[in-house]
């Protein structure tokens, strides 16, 4: 079972935003959803995703940018 905390950095594993990384700004334990803010075209964009679609990543200054 994954444990997430506010402020953790995660990488998105699946879906339209796969390989993006961001910071957790909200957690809904009952629905097992995260609110993750990622940078898209230079703007902070909140995304809701299920726990299983993300993985914790090390905290880095560039961890909120996609790998392309």
N, C-alpha and C. Protein backbone atom coordinates (compact mmCIF):
# COMPACT_ATOMS: atom_id res chain seq x y z
N UNK A 1 0.84 -1.19 0.00
CA UNK A 1 0.00 0.00 0.00
C UNK A 1 0.88 1.25 0.00
N UNK A 2 0.56 2.18 -0.86
CA UNK A 2 1.35 3.41 -0.96
C UNK A 2 0.88 4.42 0.06
N UNK A 3 1.84 5.15 0.60
CA UNK A 3 1.53 6.22 1.53
C UNK A 3 1.97 7.53 0.89
N UNK A 4 1.03 8.43 0.71
CA UNK A 4 1.32 9.73 0.13
C UNK A 4 1.07 10.80 1.17
N UNK A 5 1.84 11.88 1.07
CA UNK A 5 1.68 13.02 1.97
C UNK A 5 1.65 14.30 1.15
N UNK A 6 0.99 15.31 1.69
CA UNK A 6 0.98 16.61 1.03
C UNK A 6 2.41 17.09 0.85
N UNK A 7 2.72 17.60 -0.32
CA UNK A 7 4.05 18.10 -0.60
C UNK A 7 4.98 17.08 -1.22
N UNK A 8 4.59 15.78 -1.21
CA UNK A 8 5.42 14.75 -1.86
C UNK A 8 5.48 15.01 -3.36
N UNK A 9 6.60 14.64 -3.96
CA UNK A 9 6.76 14.72 -5.41
C UNK A 9 6.47 13.34 -5.98
N UNK A 10 5.66 13.32 -7.04
CA UNK A 10 5.30 12.06 -7.68
C UNK A 10 5.50 12.16 -9.18
N UNK A 11 5.65 10.99 -9.80
CA UNK A 11 5.72 10.89 -11.26
C UNK A 11 4.48 10.13 -11.69
N UNK A 12 3.83 10.61 -12.75
CA UNK A 12 2.62 9.98 -13.26
C UNK A 12 3.03 8.82 -14.16
N UNK A 13 2.47 7.62 -13.89
CA UNK A 13 2.87 6.41 -14.59
C UNK A 13 2.02 6.11 -15.82
N UNK A 14 0.75 6.52 -15.83
CA UNK A 14 -0.15 6.12 -16.91
C UNK A 14 -1.12 7.24 -17.24
N UNK A 15 -1.70 7.14 -18.43
CA UNK A 15 -2.70 8.10 -18.84
C UNK A 15 -2.12 9.19 -19.73
N UNK A 16 -2.91 10.22 -19.98
CA UNK A 16 -2.51 11.30 -20.88
C UNK A 16 -1.29 12.07 -20.38
N UNK A 17 -1.06 12.07 -19.09
CA UNK A 17 0.05 12.83 -18.53
C UNK A 17 1.20 11.93 -18.06
N UNK A 18 1.29 10.72 -18.60
CA UNK A 18 2.36 9.79 -18.24
C UNK A 18 3.71 10.46 -18.45
N UNK A 19 4.61 10.27 -17.53
CA UNK A 19 5.98 10.78 -17.47
C UNK A 19 6.07 12.21 -16.94
N UNK A 20 4.93 12.87 -16.71
CA UNK A 20 4.97 14.16 -16.05
C UNK A 20 5.21 13.93 -14.57
N UNK A 21 5.77 14.92 -13.91
CA UNK A 21 5.98 14.85 -12.47
C UNK A 21 5.40 16.10 -11.85
N UNK A 22 5.02 15.99 -10.60
CA UNK A 22 4.43 17.14 -9.92
C UNK A 22 4.43 16.97 -8.43
N UNK A 23 3.76 17.88 -7.77
CA UNK A 23 3.73 17.94 -6.32
C UNK A 23 2.30 17.71 -5.85
N UNK A 24 2.13 16.89 -4.81
CA UNK A 24 0.80 16.60 -4.27
C UNK A 24 0.30 17.80 -3.48
N UNK A 25 -0.90 18.28 -3.85
CA UNK A 25 -1.51 19.39 -3.14
C UNK A 25 -2.85 19.02 -2.52
N UNK A 26 -3.28 17.78 -2.72
CA UNK A 26 -4.52 17.33 -2.11
C UNK A 26 -4.59 15.81 -2.14
N UNK A 27 -5.21 15.24 -1.11
CA UNK A 27 -5.35 13.79 -1.02
C UNK A 27 -6.77 13.46 -0.56
N UNK A 28 -7.43 12.56 -1.29
CA UNK A 28 -8.73 12.05 -0.89
C UNK A 28 -8.56 10.56 -0.63
N UNK A 29 -8.38 10.21 0.64
CA UNK A 29 -8.13 8.81 1.02
C UNK A 29 -9.32 7.92 0.69
N UNK A 30 -10.54 8.41 0.91
CA UNK A 30 -11.74 7.59 0.69
C UNK A 30 -11.86 7.15 -0.77
N UNK A 31 -11.56 8.05 -1.69
CA UNK A 31 -11.65 7.74 -3.12
C UNK A 31 -10.31 7.34 -3.72
N UNK A 32 -9.25 7.39 -2.90
CA UNK A 32 -7.89 7.05 -3.33
C UNK A 32 -7.46 7.91 -4.52
N UNK A 33 -7.67 9.24 -4.39
CA UNK A 33 -7.33 10.20 -5.42
C UNK A 33 -6.30 11.19 -4.91
N UNK A 34 -5.43 11.62 -5.82
CA UNK A 34 -4.46 12.67 -5.52
C UNK A 34 -4.75 13.88 -6.39
N UNK A 35 -4.51 15.06 -5.86
CA UNK A 35 -4.52 16.28 -6.65
C UNK A 35 -3.05 16.66 -6.80
N UNK A 36 -2.54 16.54 -8.02
CA UNK A 36 -1.14 16.79 -8.31
C UNK A 36 -1.03 18.00 -9.23
N UNK A 37 -0.14 18.90 -8.90
CA UNK A 37 0.08 20.08 -9.74
C UNK A 37 1.32 19.83 -10.59
N UNK A 38 1.11 19.90 -11.93
CA UNK A 38 2.21 19.73 -12.88
C UNK A 38 2.36 21.00 -13.70
N UNK A 39 3.51 21.17 -14.32
CA UNK A 39 3.74 22.33 -15.17
C UNK A 39 3.52 21.93 -16.62
N UNK A 40 2.56 22.62 -17.26
CA UNK A 40 2.25 22.37 -18.66
C UNK A 40 2.31 23.71 -19.38
N UNK A 41 3.17 23.82 -20.37
CA UNK A 41 3.36 25.06 -21.12
C UNK A 41 3.65 26.24 -20.19
N UNK A 42 4.44 25.99 -19.17
CA UNK A 42 4.87 27.04 -18.26
C UNK A 42 3.84 27.45 -17.22
N UNK A 43 2.74 26.71 -17.12
CA UNK A 43 1.70 27.04 -16.15
C UNK A 43 1.45 25.87 -15.21
N UNK A 44 1.21 26.18 -13.95
CA UNK A 44 0.86 25.15 -12.97
C UNK A 44 -0.56 24.69 -13.24
N UNK A 45 -0.73 23.38 -13.44
CA UNK A 45 -2.02 22.80 -13.78
C UNK A 45 -2.35 21.67 -12.81
N UNK A 46 -3.48 21.76 -12.09
CA UNK A 46 -3.86 20.67 -11.18
C UNK A 46 -4.48 19.51 -11.96
N UNK A 47 -4.11 18.30 -11.56
CA UNK A 47 -4.62 17.08 -12.18
C UNK A 47 -5.05 16.15 -11.06
N UNK A 48 -6.22 15.52 -11.22
CA UNK A 48 -6.66 14.50 -10.27
C UNK A 48 -6.35 13.14 -10.85
N UNK A 49 -5.75 12.27 -10.04
CA UNK A 49 -5.45 10.93 -10.51
C UNK A 49 -5.50 9.94 -9.37
N UNK A 50 -5.71 8.69 -9.72
CA UNK A 50 -5.78 7.62 -8.73
C UNK A 50 -4.39 7.30 -8.20
N UNK A 51 -4.35 6.79 -6.98
CA UNK A 51 -3.08 6.43 -6.35
C UNK A 51 -2.25 5.54 -7.26
N UNK A 52 -2.88 4.55 -7.89
CA UNK A 52 -2.13 3.55 -8.67
C UNK A 52 -1.49 4.12 -9.92
N UNK A 53 -1.87 5.31 -10.33
CA UNK A 53 -1.30 5.93 -11.54
C UNK A 53 -0.11 6.81 -11.24
N UNK A 54 0.38 6.76 -10.00
CA UNK A 54 1.52 7.60 -9.64
C UNK A 54 2.52 6.82 -8.81
N UNK A 55 3.74 7.34 -8.79
CA UNK A 55 4.80 6.74 -7.98
C UNK A 55 5.60 7.88 -7.38
N UNK A 56 6.02 7.70 -6.13
CA UNK A 56 6.82 8.74 -5.48
C UNK A 56 8.14 8.91 -6.21
N UNK A 57 8.59 10.15 -6.29
CA UNK A 57 9.89 10.43 -6.90
C UNK A 57 10.68 11.31 -5.96
N UNK A 58 11.99 11.32 -6.10
CA UNK A 58 12.81 12.16 -5.23
C UNK A 58 12.49 13.63 -5.43
N UNK A 59 12.60 14.39 -4.38
CA UNK A 59 12.35 15.83 -4.45
C UNK A 59 13.53 16.51 -5.13
N UNK A 60 13.26 17.18 -6.27
CA UNK A 60 14.29 17.91 -7.00
C UNK A 60 13.66 19.17 -7.55
N UNK A 61 14.46 20.13 -7.87
CA UNK A 61 13.96 21.39 -8.43
C UNK A 61 13.29 21.17 -9.77
N UNK A 62 13.77 20.19 -10.55
CA UNK A 62 13.22 19.97 -11.89
C UNK A 62 12.21 18.84 -11.92
N UNK A 63 11.74 18.35 -10.77
CA UNK A 63 10.86 17.20 -10.76
C UNK A 63 9.44 17.53 -11.22
N UNK A 64 9.12 18.79 -11.43
CA UNK A 64 7.79 19.17 -11.88
C UNK A 64 7.75 19.37 -13.38
N UNK A 65 8.74 18.91 -14.09
CA UNK A 65 8.80 19.07 -15.56
C UNK A 65 8.80 17.71 -16.21
N UNK A 66 8.18 17.59 -17.38
CA UNK A 66 8.18 16.29 -18.08
C UNK A 66 9.58 15.95 -18.60
N UNK A 67 9.79 14.67 -18.93
CA UNK A 67 11.07 14.19 -19.42
C UNK A 67 11.14 14.17 -20.94
N UNK A 68 11.04 15.31 -21.60
CA UNK A 68 11.22 15.31 -23.04
C UNK A 68 12.13 16.35 -23.49
